[in-house]
C-alpha atoms as a PDB file:
ATOM      1  CA  UNK A   1       2.616 -22.905 -43.392  1.00  0.00           C
ATOM      2  CA  UNK A   2       4.991 -25.258 -41.405  1.00  0.00           C
ATOM      3  CA  UNK A   3       8.542 -23.864 -40.740  1.00  0.00           C
ATOM      4  CA  UNK A   4      10.282 -26.815 -42.386  1.00  0.00           C
ATOM      5  CA  UNK A   5       9.145 -30.283 -43.806  1.00  0.00           C
ATOM      6  CA  UNK A   6      10.345 -33.838 -42.983  1.00  0.00           C
ATOM      7  CA  UNK A   7      10.303 -35.861 -46.036  1.00  0.00           C
ATOM      8  CA  UNK A   8      10.481 -39.742 -45.610  1.00  0.00           C
ATOM      9  CA  UNK A   9      10.728 -41.776 -48.711  1.00  0.00           C
ATOM     10  CA  UNK A  10       9.595 -45.569 -48.157  1.00  0.00           C
ATOM     11  CA  UNK A  11       9.335 -48.761 -49.986  1.00  0.00           C
ATOM     12  CA  UNK A  12       7.919 -51.806 -48.468  1.00  0.00           C
ATOM     13  CA  UNK A  13       8.814 -50.800 -44.869  1.00  0.00           C
ATOM     14  CA  UNK A  14       5.712 -51.290 -42.842  1.00  0.00           C
ATOM     15  CA  UNK A  15       7.396 -52.586 -39.992  1.00  0.00           C
ATOM     16  CA  UNK A  16       9.702 -49.146 -39.629  1.00  0.00           C
ATOM     17  CA  UNK A  17       7.887 -46.331 -41.144  1.00  0.00           C
ATOM     18  CA  UNK A  18       5.388 -46.083 -38.430  1.00  0.00           C
ATOM     19  CA  UNK A  19       8.313 -45.801 -35.860  1.00  0.00           C
ATOM     20  CA  UNK A  20       9.971 -43.048 -38.117  1.00  0.00           C
ATOM     21  CA  UNK A  21       6.812 -41.015 -38.070  1.00  0.00           C
ATOM     22  CA  UNK A  22       6.287 -41.549 -34.367  1.00  0.00           C
ATOM     23  CA  UNK A  23       9.772 -40.281 -33.697  1.00  0.00           C
ATOM     24  CA  UNK A  24       9.222 -37.038 -35.351  1.00  0.00           C
ATOM     25  CA  UNK A  25       5.998 -36.465 -33.816  1.00  0.00           C
ATOM     26  CA  UNK A  26       7.598 -36.942 -30.273  1.00  0.00           C
ATOM     27  CA  UNK A  27       9.662 -33.935 -30.842  1.00  0.00           C
ATOM     28  CA  UNK A  28       9.328 -30.691 -29.036  1.00  0.00           C
ATOM     29  CA  UNK A  29       9.454 -28.706 -32.124  1.00  0.00           C
ATOM     30  CA  UNK A  30       6.036 -28.484 -33.656  1.00  0.00           C
ATOM     31  CA  UNK A  31       6.149 -26.189 -36.506  1.00  0.00           C
ATOM     32  CA  UNK A  32       6.719 -28.729 -39.299  1.00  0.00           C
ATOM     33  CA  UNK A  33       4.837 -30.991 -41.799  1.00  0.00           C
ATOM     34  CA  UNK A  34       5.638 -34.482 -42.286  1.00  0.00           C
ATOM     35  CA  UNK A  35       5.580 -35.886 -45.966  1.00  0.00           C
ATOM     36  CA  UNK A  36       5.800 -39.635 -46.536  1.00  0.00           C
ATOM     37  CA  UNK A  37       6.446 -40.839 -50.251  1.00  0.00           C
ATOM     38  CA  UNK A  38       5.411 -44.378 -50.699  1.00  0.00           C
ATOM     39  CA  UNK A  39       7.547 -45.429 -53.526  1.00  0.00           C
ATOM     40  CA  UNK A  40       5.187 -48.285 -54.885  1.00  0.00           C
ATOM     41  CA  UNK A  41       5.136 -50.679 -51.755  1.00  0.00           C
ATOM     42  CA  UNK A  42       3.255 -53.817 -51.968  1.00  0.00           C
ATOM     43  CA  UNK A  43       3.104 -54.617 -48.388  1.00  0.00           C
ATOM     44  CA  UNK A  44       0.806 -52.887 -45.702  1.00  0.00           C
ATOM     45  CA  UNK A  45       2.747 -49.606 -45.781  1.00  0.00           C
ATOM     46  CA  UNK A  46      -0.472 -47.686 -46.850  1.00  0.00           C
ATOM     47  CA  UNK A  47      -2.200 -48.960 -43.901  1.00  0.00           C
ATOM     48  CA  UNK A  48       0.375 -47.781 -41.654  1.00  0.00           C
ATOM     49  CA  UNK A  49       0.318 -44.400 -43.033  1.00  0.00           C
ATOM     50  CA  UNK A  50      -3.503 -44.126 -43.032  1.00  0.00           C
ATOM     51  CA  UNK A  51      -3.473 -45.042 -39.144  1.00  0.00           C
ATOM     52  CA  UNK A  52      -1.563 -41.407 -38.603  1.00  0.00           C
ATOM     53  CA  UNK A  53      -4.273 -39.501 -40.469  1.00  0.00           C
ATOM     54  CA  UNK A  54      -3.974 -35.543 -40.955  1.00  0.00           C
ATOM     55  CA  UNK A  55      -0.484 -35.811 -39.199  1.00  0.00           C
ATOM     56  CA  UNK A  56       0.999 -37.026 -42.292  1.00  0.00           C
ATOM     57  CA  UNK A  57       0.762 -35.883 -45.854  1.00  0.00           C
ATOM     58  CA  UNK A  58       1.158 -39.444 -47.926  1.00  0.00           C
ATOM     59  CA  UNK A  59       2.042 -39.530 -51.526  1.00  0.00           C
ATOM     60  CA  UNK A  60       1.745 -42.667 -53.379  1.00  0.00           C
ATOM     61  CA  UNK A  61       3.911 -43.380 -56.800  1.00  0.00           C
ATOM     62  CA  UNK A  62       5.002 -46.124 -58.850  1.00  0.00           C
ATOM     63  CA  UNK A  63       8.352 -47.445 -57.864  1.00  0.00           C
ATOM     64  CA  UNK A  64      10.993 -44.893 -58.993  1.00  0.00           C
ATOM     65  CA  UNK A  65      13.672 -45.463 -56.306  1.00  0.00           C
ATOM     66  CA  UNK A  66      14.470 -43.633 -53.136  1.00  0.00           C
ATOM     67  CA  UNK A  67      15.843 -40.536 -55.100  1.00  0.00           C
ATOM     68  CA  UNK A  68      12.548 -40.145 -57.141  1.00  0.00           C
ATOM     69  CA  UNK A  69      10.676 -40.662 -54.231  1.00  0.00           C
ATOM     70  CA  UNK A  70      12.674 -37.973 -52.093  1.00  0.00           C
ATOM     71  CA  UNK A  71      12.382 -35.734 -55.050  1.00  0.00           C
ATOM     72  CA  UNK A  72       8.583 -36.182 -55.130  1.00  0.00           C
ATOM     73  CA  UNK A  73       8.525 -35.104 -51.400  1.00  0.00           C
ATOM     74  CA  UNK A  74      10.693 -31.921 -51.946  1.00  0.00           C
ATOM     75  CA  UNK A  75       8.499 -31.117 -55.100  1.00  0.00           C
ATOM     76  CA  UNK A  76       5.255 -31.012 -52.892  1.00  0.00           C
ATOM     77  CA  UNK A  77       6.985 -29.062 -50.023  1.00  0.00           C
ATOM     78  CA  UNK A  78       8.099 -26.615 -52.546  1.00  0.00           C
ATOM     79  CA  UNK A  79       4.683 -26.325 -54.173  1.00  0.00           C
ATOM     80  CA  UNK A  80       3.356 -25.797 -51.043  1.00  0.00           C
ATOM     81  CA  UNK A  81       5.644 -22.840 -49.960  1.00  0.00           C
ATOM     82  CA  UNK A  82       5.034 -21.235 -53.287  1.00  0.00           C
ATOM     83  CA  UNK A  83       1.279 -21.425 -53.278  1.00  0.00           C
ATOM     84  CA  UNK A  84       0.797 -18.419 -51.109  1.00  0.00           C
ATOM     85  CA  UNK A  85       3.216 -16.470 -52.691  1.00  0.00           C
ATOM     86  CA  UNK A  86       1.724 -16.996 -56.250  1.00  0.00           C
ATOM     87  CA  UNK A  87      -1.880 -16.001 -55.000  1.00  0.00           C
ATOM     88  CA  UNK A  88      -1.659 -12.254 -55.255  1.00  0.00           C
END
């Protein structure tokens, strides 16, 4: 289980989201997960995310705004953190 989660909400940012992910991947710290929440993009954002494969957890949702996208990422990280604790 990762020590912390990097949550990146995105919407129609195919030209920028890859650079944001690559920046995280270049860090010296490695005990993290990257969660990208695509908030209903209609450009090539999904293709960029697919290029990163297993390095990124990608969530797609219908457009609901940046706050909803960020909350979806937090919920994903929170559930992942609780799952081992609930398996007793």
